[in-house]
All heavy atoms as atom14 arrays in JSON, in Angstrom:
{
  "sequence": "LTIAQYMYDKGYHSNLQLNKLVYFSFGFFGAYHKKMHLFDSK",
  "atom14_mask": [
    [1, 1, 1, 1, 1, 1, 1, 1, 0, 0, 0, 0, 0, 0],
    [1, 1, 1, 1, 1, 1, 1, 0, 0, 0, 0, 0, 0, 0],
    [1, 1, 1, 1, 1, 1, 1, 1, 0, 0, 0, 0, 0, 0],
    [1, 1, 1, 1, 1, 0, 0, 0, 0, 0, 0, 0, 0, 0],
    [1, 1, 1, 1, 1, 1, 1, 1, 1, 0, 0, 0, 0, 0],
    [1, 1, 1, 1, 1, 1, 1, 1, 1, 1, 1, 1, 0, 0],
    [1, 1, 1, 1, 1, 1, 1, 1, 0, 0, 0, 0, 0, 0],
    [1, 1, 1, 1, 1, 1, 1, 1, 1, 1, 1, 1, 0, 0],
    [1, 1, 1, 1, 1, 1, 1, 1, 0, 0, 0, 0, 0, 0],
    [1, 1, 1, 1, 1, 1, 1, 1, 1, 0, 0, 0, 0, 0],
    [1, 1, 1, 1, 0, 0, 0, 0, 0, 0, 0, 0, 0, 0],
    [1, 1, 1, 1, 1, 1, 1, 1, 1, 1, 1, 1, 0, 0],
    [1, 1, 1, 1, 1, 1, 1, 1, 1, 1, 0, 0, 0, 0],
    [1, 1, 1, 1, 1, 1, 0, 0, 0, 0, 0, 0, 0, 0],
    [1, 1, 1, 1, 1, 1, 1, 1, 0, 0, 0, 0, 0, 0],
    [1, 1, 1, 1, 1, 1, 1, 1, 0, 0, 0, 0, 0, 0],
    [1, 1, 1, 1, 1, 1, 1, 1, 1, 0, 0, 0, 0, 0],
    [1, 1, 1, 1, 1, 1, 1, 1, 0, 0, 0, 0, 0, 0],
    [1, 1, 1, 1, 1, 1, 1, 1, 0, 0, 0, 0, 0, 0],
    [1, 1, 1, 1, 1, 1, 1, 1, 1, 0, 0, 0, 0, 0],
    [1, 1, 1, 1, 1, 1, 1, 1, 0, 0, 0, 0, 0, 0],
    [1, 1, 1, 1, 1, 1, 1, 0, 0, 0, 0, 0, 0, 0],
    [1, 1, 1, 1, 1, 1, 1, 1, 1, 1, 1, 1, 0, 0],
    [1, 1, 1, 1, 1, 1, 1, 1, 1, 1, 1, 0, 0, 0],
    [1, 1, 1, 1, 1, 1, 0, 0, 0, 0, 0, 0, 0, 0],
    [1, 1, 1, 1, 1, 1, 1, 1, 1, 1, 1, 0, 0, 0],
    [1, 1, 1, 1, 0, 0, 0, 0, 0, 0, 0, 0, 0, 0],
    [1, 1, 1, 1, 1, 1, 1, 1, 1, 1, 1, 0, 0, 0],
    [1, 1, 1, 1, 1, 1, 1, 1, 1, 1, 1, 0, 0, 0],
    [1, 1, 1, 1, 0, 0, 0, 0, 0, 0, 0, 0, 0, 0],
    [1, 1, 1, 1, 1, 0, 0, 0, 0, 0, 0, 0, 0, 0],
    [1, 1, 1, 1, 1, 1, 1, 1, 1, 1, 1, 1, 0, 0],
    [1, 1, 1, 1, 1, 1, 1, 1, 1, 1, 0, 0, 0, 0],
    [1, 1, 1, 1, 1, 1, 1, 1, 1, 0, 0, 0, 0, 0],
    [1, 1, 1, 1, 1, 1, 1, 1, 1, 0, 0, 0, 0, 0],
    [1, 1, 1, 1, 1, 1, 1, 1, 0, 0, 0, 0, 0, 0],
    [1, 1, 1, 1, 1, 1, 1, 1, 1, 1, 0, 0, 0, 0],
    [1, 1, 1, 1, 1, 1, 1, 1, 0, 0, 0, 0, 0, 0],
    [1, 1, 1, 1, 1, 1, 1, 1, 1, 1, 1, 0, 0, 0],
    [1, 1, 1, 1, 1, 1, 1, 1, 0, 0, 0, 0, 0, 0],
    [1, 1, 1, 1, 1, 1, 0, 0, 0, 0, 0, 0, 0, 0],
    [1, 1, 1, 1, 1, 1, 1, 1, 1, 0, 0, 0, 0, 0]
  ],
  "atom14_positions": [
    [[-13.35, 6.82, -19.37], [-13.39, 5.45, -19.89], [-14.03, 5.37, -21.29], [-13.61, 4.61, -22.15], [-14.16, 4.53, -18.85], [-13.46, 4.43, -17.47], [-14.28, 3.62, -16.53], [-12.1, 3.87, -17.68], [0.0, 0.0, 0.0], [0.0, 0.0, 0.0], [0.0, 0.0, 0.0], [0.0, 0.0, 0.0], [0.0, 0.0, 0.0], [0.0, 0.0, 0.0]],
    [[-15.01, 6.2, -21.47], [-15.54, 6.29, -22.89], [-14.5, 6.77, -23.89], [-14.44, 6.2, -25.0], [-16.79, 7.21, -22.86], [-17.74, 6.8, -21.98], [-17.44, 7.41, -24.24], [0.0, 0.0, 0.0], [0.0, 0.0, 0.0], [0.0, 0.0, 0.0], [0.0, 0.0, 0.0], [0.0, 0.0, 0.0], [0.0, 0.0, 0.0], [0.0, 0.0, 0.0]],
    [[-13.73, 7.74, -23.49], [-12.69, 8.21, -24.34], [-11.63, 7.1, -24.62], [-11.28, 6.91, -25.78], [-12.01, 9.52, -23.71], [-12.99, 10.62, -23.71], [-10.8, 9.92, -24.42], [-12.66, 11.84, -22.72], [0.0, 0.0, 0.0], [0.0, 0.0, 0.0], [0.0, 0.0, 0.0], [0.0, 0.0, 0.0], [0.0, 0.0, 0.0], [0.0, 0.0, 0.0]],
    [[-11.17, 6.49, -23.56], [-10.25, 5.33, -23.65], [-10.91, 4.21, -24.54], [-10.12, 3.66, -25.45], [-9.89, 4.8, -22.31], [0.0, 0.0, 0.0], [0.0, 0.0, 0.0], [0.0, 0.0, 0.0], [0.0, 0.0, 0.0], [0.0, 0.0, 0.0], [0.0, 0.0, 0.0], [0.0, 0.0, 0.0], [0.0, 0.0, 0.0], [0.0, 0.0, 0.0]],
    [[-12.13, 3.96, -24.41], [-12.74, 2.91, -25.22], [-12.7, 3.36, -26.69], [-12.39, 2.5, -27.51], [-14.21, 2.63, -24.86], [-14.87, 1.54, -25.52], [-14.35, 0.14, -25.15], [-14.52, -0.23, -24.03], [-13.81, -0.57, -26.1], [0.0, 0.0, 0.0], [0.0, 0.0, 0.0], [0.0, 0.0, 0.0], [0.0, 0.0, 0.0], [0.0, 0.0, 0.0]],
    [[-12.95, 4.61, -27.02], [-12.91, 5.08, -28.33], [-11.58, 4.89, -28.97], [-11.4, 4.54, -30.09], [-13.33, 6.59, -28.3], [-13.27, 7.24, -29.63], [-14.25, 7.18, -30.5], [-12.18, 8.14, -29.91], [-14.28, 7.87, -31.76], [-12.16, 8.8, -31.17], [-13.18, 8.66, -32.1], [-13.13, 9.35, -33.38], [0.0, 0.0, 0.0], [0.0, 0.0, 0.0]],
    [[-10.48, 5.18, -28.2], [-9.26, 5.0, -28.63], [-8.84, 3.49, -28.82], [-8.23, 3.19, -29.78], [-8.11, 5.69, -27.58], [-8.29, 7.18, -27.55], [-7.17, 7.83, -26.33], [-7.34, 9.46, -26.64], [0.0, 0.0, 0.0], [0.0, 0.0, 0.0], [0.0, 0.0, 0.0], [0.0, 0.0, 0.0], [0.0, 0.0, 0.0], [0.0, 0.0, 0.0]],
    [[-9.31, 2.75, -27.86], [-8.97, 1.35, -27.89], [-9.52, 0.72, -29.15], [-8.97, -0.07, -29.88], [-9.49, 0.61, -26.63], [-9.22, -0.78, -26.49], [-7.93, -1.19, -25.82], [-9.97, -1.79, -27.08], [-7.68, -2.51, -25.68], [-9.66, -3.13, -26.89], [-8.48, -3.54, -26.24], [-8.16, -4.84, -26.17], [0.0, 0.0, 0.0], [0.0, 0.0, 0.0]],
    [[-10.77, 1.08, -29.4], [-11.52, 0.65, -30.59], [-10.91, 1.0, -31.88], [-11.04, 0.41, -32.98], [-12.97, 1.04, -30.57], [-13.83, 0.4, -29.49], [-13.41, -0.63, -28.89], [-14.97, 0.95, -29.19], [0.0, 0.0, 0.0], [0.0, 0.0, 0.0], [0.0, 0.0, 0.0], [0.0, 0.0, 0.0], [0.0, 0.0, 0.0], [0.0, 0.0, 0.0]],
    [[-10.06, 2.02, -31.91], [-9.31, 2.54, -32.98], [-7.93, 1.81, -33.12], [-7.08, 2.15, -33.95], [-9.09, 4.04, -32.95], [-10.33, 4.77, -33.28], [-10.1, 6.22, -33.38], [-11.37, 6.93, -33.99], [-11.26, 7.06, -35.54], [0.0, 0.0, 0.0], [0.0, 0.0, 0.0], [0.0, 0.0, 0.0], [0.0, 0.0, 0.0], [0.0, 0.0, 0.0]],
    [[-7.63, 0.84, -32.25], [-6.41, 0.0, -32.33], [-5.33, 0.3, -31.37], [-4.22, -0.17, -31.46], [0.0, 0.0, 0.0], [0.0, 0.0, 0.0], [0.0, 0.0, 0.0], [0.0, 0.0, 0.0], [0.0, 0.0, 0.0], [0.0, 0.0, 0.0], [0.0, 0.0, 0.0], [0.0, 0.0, 0.0], [0.0, 0.0, 0.0], [0.0, 0.0, 0.0]],
    [[-5.55, 1.18, -30.38], [-4.52, 1.4, -29.36], [-4.68, 0.53, -28.22], [-5.53, 0.76, -27.32], [-4.64, 3.0, -29.02], [-4.34, 3.83, -30.22], [-5.51, 4.24, -31.0], [-3.15, 4.02, -30.79], [-5.25, 4.96, -32.09], [-2.96, 4.7, -31.93], [-3.99, 5.15, -32.59], [-3.83, 5.84, -33.77], [0.0, 0.0, 0.0], [0.0, 0.0, 0.0]],
    [[-3.84, -0.45, -28.15], [-4.14, -1.64, -27.28], [-2.97, -1.81, -26.17], [-2.75, -2.92, -25.61], [-4.35, -3.02, -28.0], [-5.48, -2.93, -28.78], [-5.79, -3.81, -29.85], [-6.67, -2.19, -28.77], [-6.96, -3.62, -30.42], [-7.51, -2.55, -29.82], [0.0, 0.0, 0.0], [0.0, 0.0, 0.0], [0.0, 0.0, 0.0], [0.0, 0.0, 0.0]],
    [[-2.33, -0.78, -25.88], [-1.22, -0.81, -24.84], [-1.74, 0.14, -23.81], [-2.1, 1.26, -24.06], [0.03, -0.28, -25.41], [0.82, 0.19, -24.34], [0.0, 0.0, 0.0], [0.0, 0.0, 0.0], [0.0, 0.0, 0.0], [0.0, 0.0, 0.0], [0.0, 0.0, 0.0], [0.0, 0.0, 0.0], [0.0, 0.0, 0.0], [0.0, 0.0, 0.0]],
    [[-1.75, -0.35, -22.56], [-2.17, 0.52, -21.39], [-1.26, 1.64, -21.31], [-1.74, 2.84, -21.01], [-2.08, -0.41, -20.1], [-2.95, 0.24, -18.99], [-3.42, 1.34, -18.98], [-3.23, -0.69, -18.03], [0.0, 0.0, 0.0], [0.0, 0.0, 0.0], [0.0, 0.0, 0.0], [0.0, 0.0, 0.0], [0.0, 0.0, 0.0], [0.0, 0.0, 0.0]],
    [[0.08, 1.5, -21.47], [0.87, 2.78, -21.35], [0.59, 3.78, -22.42], [0.42, 4.95, -22.16], [2.43, 2.14, -21.58], [3.46, 3.13, -21.35], [3.76, 3.25, -19.86], [4.76, 2.8, -22.12], [0.0, 0.0, 0.0], [0.0, 0.0, 0.0], [0.0, 0.0, 0.0], [0.0, 0.0, 0.0], [0.0, 0.0, 0.0], [0.0, 0.0, 0.0]],
    [[0.36, 3.3, -23.67], [0.12, 4.2, -24.73], [-1.27, 4.84, -24.61], [-1.44, 6.01, -24.85], [0.11, 3.35, -26.11], [-0.09, 4.17, -27.34], [-0.13, 3.27, -28.6], [-0.68, 2.2, -28.56], [0.52, 3.82, -29.62], [0.0, 0.0, 0.0], [0.0, 0.0, 0.0], [0.0, 0.0, 0.0], [0.0, 0.0, 0.0], [0.0, 0.0, 0.0]],
    [[-2.32, 4.02, -24.15], [-3.64, 4.59, -24.06], [-3.56, 5.67, -23.01], [-4.27, 6.71, -23.22], [-4.51, 3.32, -23.67], [-5.94, 3.48, -23.86], [-6.35, 3.79, -25.32], [-6.71, 2.28, -23.36], [0.0, 0.0, 0.0], [0.0, 0.0, 0.0], [0.0, 0.0, 0.0], [0.0, 0.0, 0.0], [0.0, 0.0, 0.0], [0.0, 0.0, 0.0]],
    [[-2.97, 5.46, -21.89], [-2.88, 6.46, -20.91], [-2.21, 7.74, -21.32], [-2.63, 8.92, -21.06], [-2.22, 6.03, -19.6], [-3.25, 5.42, -18.6], [-4.03, 6.33, -18.04], [-3.41, 4.27, -18.46], [0.0, 0.0, 0.0], [0.0, 0.0, 0.0], [0.0, 0.0, 0.0], [0.0, 0.0, 0.0], [0.0, 0.0, 0.0], [0.0, 0.0, 0.0]],
    [[-1.22, 7.65, -22.14], [-0.52, 8.88, -22.71], [-1.41, 9.59, -23.63], [-1.5, 10.88, -23.65], [0.89, 8.55, -23.22], [1.77, 7.89, -22.4], [2.03, 8.49, -21.03], [2.64, 7.57, -20.08], [1.59, 6.71, -19.23], [0.0, 0.0, 0.0], [0.0, 0.0, 0.0], [0.0, 0.0, 0.0], [0.0, 0.0, 0.0], [0.0, 0.0, 0.0]],
    [[-2.13, 8.92, -24.54], [-2.95, 9.45, -25.48], [-4.15, 10.14, -24.78], [-4.62, 11.22, -25.24], [-3.44, 8.38, -26.46], [-2.38, 7.84, -27.35], [-2.89, 6.65, -28.22], [-1.72, 8.84, -28.26], [0.0, 0.0, 0.0], [0.0, 0.0, 0.0], [0.0, 0.0, 0.0], [0.0, 0.0, 0.0], [0.0, 0.0, 0.0], [0.0, 0.0, 0.0]],
    [[-4.74, 9.5, -23.8], [-5.75, 10.13, -22.99], [-5.3, 11.41, -22.39], [-5.89, 12.51, -22.42], [-6.37, 9.18, -21.83], [-7.12, 9.95, -20.93], [-7.1, 8.08, -22.58], [0.0, 0.0, 0.0], [0.0, 0.0, 0.0], [0.0, 0.0, 0.0], [0.0, 0.0, 0.0], [0.0, 0.0, 0.0], [0.0, 0.0, 0.0], [0.0, 0.0, 0.0]],
    [[-3.97, 11.36, -21.85], [-3.41, 12.7, -21.24], [-3.23, 13.73, -22.34], [-3.57, 14.94, -22.03], [-2.09, 12.27, -20.66], [-1.16, 13.44, -20.34], [-1.42, 14.15, -19.17], [-0.1, 13.68, -21.2], [-0.56, 15.36, -18.87], [0.74, 14.68, -20.79], [0.55, 15.62, -19.76], [1.31, 16.51, -19.47], [0.0, 0.0, 0.0], [0.0, 0.0, 0.0]],
    [[-2.6, 13.41, -23.4], [-2.44, 14.42, -24.41], [-3.77, 15.0, -24.99], [-3.89, 16.21, -25.22], [-1.69, 13.87, -25.66], [-0.3, 13.47, -25.47], [0.25, 12.36, -25.86], [0.64, 14.44, -24.92], [1.58, 11.99, -25.57], [1.94, 14.12, -24.6], [2.42, 12.99, -25.06], [0.0, 0.0, 0.0], [0.0, 0.0, 0.0], [0.0, 0.0, 0.0]],
    [[-4.77, 14.11, -25.04], [-6.08, 14.64, -25.51], [-6.64, 15.59, -24.5], [-7.27, 16.67, -24.86], [-7.06, 13.45, -25.67], [-6.67, 12.63, -26.68], [0.0, 0.0, 0.0], [0.0, 0.0, 0.0], [0.0, 0.0, 0.0], [0.0, 0.0, 0.0], [0.0, 0.0, 0.0], [0.0, 0.0, 0.0], [0.0, 0.0, 0.0], [0.0, 0.0, 0.0]],
    [[-6.42, 15.32, -23.22], [-6.96, 16.24, -22.19], [-6.26, 17.61, -22.33], [-6.94, 18.62, -22.35], [-6.7, 15.66, -20.74], [-7.09, 16.62, -19.74], [-8.45, 16.6, -19.24], [-6.27, 17.53, -19.17], [-8.83, 17.43, -18.24], [-6.61, 18.39, -18.23], [-7.99, 18.35, -17.74], [0.0, 0.0, 0.0], [0.0, 0.0, 0.0], [0.0, 0.0, 0.0]],
    [[-4.89, 17.54, -22.5], [-4.18, 18.84, -22.63], [-4.51, 19.69, -23.73], [-4.77, 20.84, -23.71], [0.0, 0.0, 0.0], [0.0, 0.0, 0.0], [0.0, 0.0, 0.0], [0.0, 0.0, 0.0], [0.0, 0.0, 0.0], [0.0, 0.0, 0.0], [0.0, 0.0, 0.0], [0.0, 0.0, 0.0], [0.0, 0.0, 0.0], [0.0, 0.0, 0.0]],
    [[-4.5, 18.98, -24.86], [-4.86, 19.75, -26.2], [-6.3, 20.22, -26.19], [-6.62, 21.32, -26.73], [-4.48, 18.93, -27.43], [-3.03, 18.88, -27.62], [-2.26, 17.81, -27.47], [-2.32, 20.17, -28.12], [-0.96, 17.79, -27.68], [-0.95, 20.11, -28.38], [-0.25, 18.9, -28.15], [0.0, 0.0, 0.0], [0.0, 0.0, 0.0], [0.0, 0.0, 0.0]],
    [[-7.33, 19.42, -25.7], [-8.74, 19.85, -25.63], [-8.82, 21.16, -24.79], [-9.39, 22.08, -25.29], [-9.54, 18.73, -25.19], [-10.96, 19.11, -25.29], [-11.75, 18.84, -26.38], [-11.65, 19.62, -24.09], [-13.03, 19.27, -26.48], [-13.04, 20.0, -24.13], [-13.56, 19.8, -25.36], [0.0, 0.0, 0.0], [0.0, 0.0, 0.0], [0.0, 0.0, 0.0]],
    [[-8.18, 21.13, -23.7], [-8.26, 22.3, -22.76], [-7.57, 23.44, -23.43], [-8.03, 24.65, -23.25], [0.0, 0.0, 0.0], [0.0, 0.0, 0.0], [0.0, 0.0, 0.0], [0.0, 0.0, 0.0], [0.0, 0.0, 0.0], [0.0, 0.0, 0.0], [0.0, 0.0, 0.0], [0.0, 0.0, 0.0], [0.0, 0.0, 0.0], [0.0, 0.0, 0.0]],
    [[-6.43, 23.32, -24.18], [-5.76, 24.38, -24.83], [-6.53, 25.01, -25.93], [-6.67, 26.2, -26.06], [-4.46, 23.93, -25.45], [0.0, 0.0, 0.0], [0.0, 0.0, 0.0], [0.0, 0.0, 0.0], [0.0, 0.0, 0.0], [0.0, 0.0, 0.0], [0.0, 0.0, 0.0], [0.0, 0.0, 0.0], [0.0, 0.0, 0.0], [0.0, 0.0, 0.0]],
    [[-7.27, 24.23, -26.63], [-7.97, 24.68, -27.8], [-9.46, 25.07, -27.52], [-10.14, 25.72, -28.28], [-8.1, 23.62, -29.0], [-6.84, 23.51, -29.72], [-6.02, 22.44, -29.76], [-6.38, 24.59, -30.52], [-4.79, 22.41, -30.45], [-5.17, 24.51, -31.33], [-4.48, 23.46, -31.18], [-3.36, 23.41, -31.91], [0.0, 0.0, 0.0], [0.0, 0.0, 0.0]],
    [[-9.92, 24.7, -26.32], [-11.32, 25.12, -25.87], [-11.37, 25.9, -24.66], [-12.21, 25.57, -23.77], [-12.14, 23.82, -25.78], [-12.38, 23.02, -27.06], [-11.49, 22.11, -27.64], [-13.34, 23.16, -27.95], [-11.89, 21.68, -28.74], [-13.0, 22.3, -29.07], [0.0, 0.0, 0.0], [0.0, 0.0, 0.0], [0.0, 0.0, 0.0], [0.0, 0.0, 0.0]],
    [[-10.44, 26.76, -24.5], [-10.37, 27.77, -23.49], [-10.63, 27.16, -22.12], [-11.52, 27.47, -21.32], [-11.58, 28.85, -23.73], [-11.31, 29.51, -25.06], [-12.17, 30.74, -25.16], [-12.15, 31.34, -26.57], [-11.05, 31.39, -27.37], [0.0, 0.0, 0.0], [0.0, 0.0, 0.0], [0.0, 0.0, 0.0], [0.0, 0.0, 0.0], [0.0, 0.0, 0.0]],
    [[-9.76, 26.36, -21.77], [-9.59, 25.76, -20.43], [-10.71, 24.74, -20.03], [-10.84, 24.36, -18.87], [-9.43, 26.81, -19.41], [-8.17, 27.63, -19.69], [-7.84, 28.43, -18.44], [-6.58, 29.33, -18.65], [-5.28, 28.63, -18.65], [0.0, 0.0, 0.0], [0.0, 0.0, 0.0], [0.0, 0.0, 0.0], [0.0, 0.0, 0.0], [0.0, 0.0, 0.0]],
    [[-11.48, 24.36, -20.99], [-12.58, 23.34, -20.72], [-11.86, 21.92, -20.41], [-10.9, 21.64, -21.04], [-13.47, 23.11, -21.89], [-14.53, 24.28, -22.08], [-15.56, 24.06, -23.49], [-16.3, 22.49, -23.22], [0.0, 0.0, 0.0], [0.0, 0.0, 0.0], [0.0, 0.0, 0.0], [0.0, 0.0, 0.0], [0.0, 0.0, 0.0], [0.0, 0.0, 0.0]],
    [[-12.39, 21.29, -19.53], [-11.82, 19.9, -19.18], [-12.6, 18.85, -20.1], [-13.84, 18.76, -20.08], [-12.17, 19.65, -17.72], [-11.31, 20.5, -16.79], [-11.25, 20.2, -15.35], [-10.45, 21.5, -17.01], [-10.44, 21.15, -14.89], [-10.01, 21.95, -15.79], [0.0, 0.0, 0.0], [0.0, 0.0, 0.0], [0.0, 0.0, 0.0], [0.0, 0.0, 0.0]],
    [[-11.79, 18.03, -20.63], [-12.31, 16.98, -21.49], [-12.93, 15.86, -20.69], [-13.98, 15.16, -21.03], [-11.11, 16.29, -22.24], [-11.57, 15.13, -23.22], [-12.48, 15.68, -24.22], [-10.24, 14.69, -23.91], [0.0, 0.0, 0.0], [0.0, 0.0, 0.0], [0.0, 0.0, 0.0], [0.0, 0.0, 0.0], [0.0, 0.0, 0.0], [0.0, 0.0, 0.0]],
    [[-12.46, 15.73, -19.41], [-12.99, 14.69, -18.31], [-12.6, 15.12, -17.0], [-11.7, 16.11, -16.85], [-12.57, 13.3, -18.65], [-10.98, 13.09, -18.7], [-10.31, 13.1, -17.57], [-10.49, 13.13, -19.98], [-8.93, 12.83, -17.68], [-9.05, 12.96, -19.93], [-8.29, 12.77, -18.87], [0.0, 0.0, 0.0], [0.0, 0.0, 0.0], [0.0, 0.0, 0.0]],
    [[-13.26, 14.66, -16.0], [-13.16, 15.11, -14.67], [-12.12, 14.19, -13.76], [-11.72, 14.61, -12.69], [-14.41, 15.19, -13.84], [-15.27, 16.24, -14.44], [-14.75, 17.28, -14.84], [-16.56, 16.05, -14.44], [0.0, 0.0, 0.0], [0.0, 0.0, 0.0], [0.0, 0.0, 0.0], [0.0, 0.0, 0.0], [0.0, 0.0, 0.0], [0.0, 0.0, 0.0]],
    [[-11.75, 13.04, -14.33], [-10.9, 12.12, -13.57], [-9.5, 12.65, -13.21], [-9.04, 13.52, -14.03], [-10.75, 10.77, -14.32], [-11.94, 10.25, -14.44], [0.0, 0.0, 0.0], [0.0, 0.0, 0.0], [0.0, 0.0, 0.0], [0.0, 0.0, 0.0], [0.0, 0.0, 0.0], [0.0, 0.0, 0.0], [0.0, 0.0, 0.0], [0.0, 0.0, 0.0]],
    [[-8.91, 12.31, -12.14], [-7.62, 12.73, -11.74], [-6.52, 12.24, -12.77], [-6.66, 10.99, -13.23], [-7.21, 12.16, -10.32], [-7.86, 12.84, -9.21], [-7.34, 12.24, -7.99], [-7.98, 12.67, -6.75], [-7.45, 12.07, -5.55], [0.0, 0.0, 0.0], [0.0, 0.0, 0.0], [0.0, 0.0, 0.0], [0.0, 0.0, 0.0], [0.0, 0.0, 0.0]]
  ]
}
């Protein structure tokens, strides 16, 4: 939710868009940081 708030505050105000951006952030963070999880939520 902190990550989503950060994105929302940057102007991403669509629930659909916000969820996809959170998802992409999770995937790329894990890829670049040796499988670390950006967050624990399902």
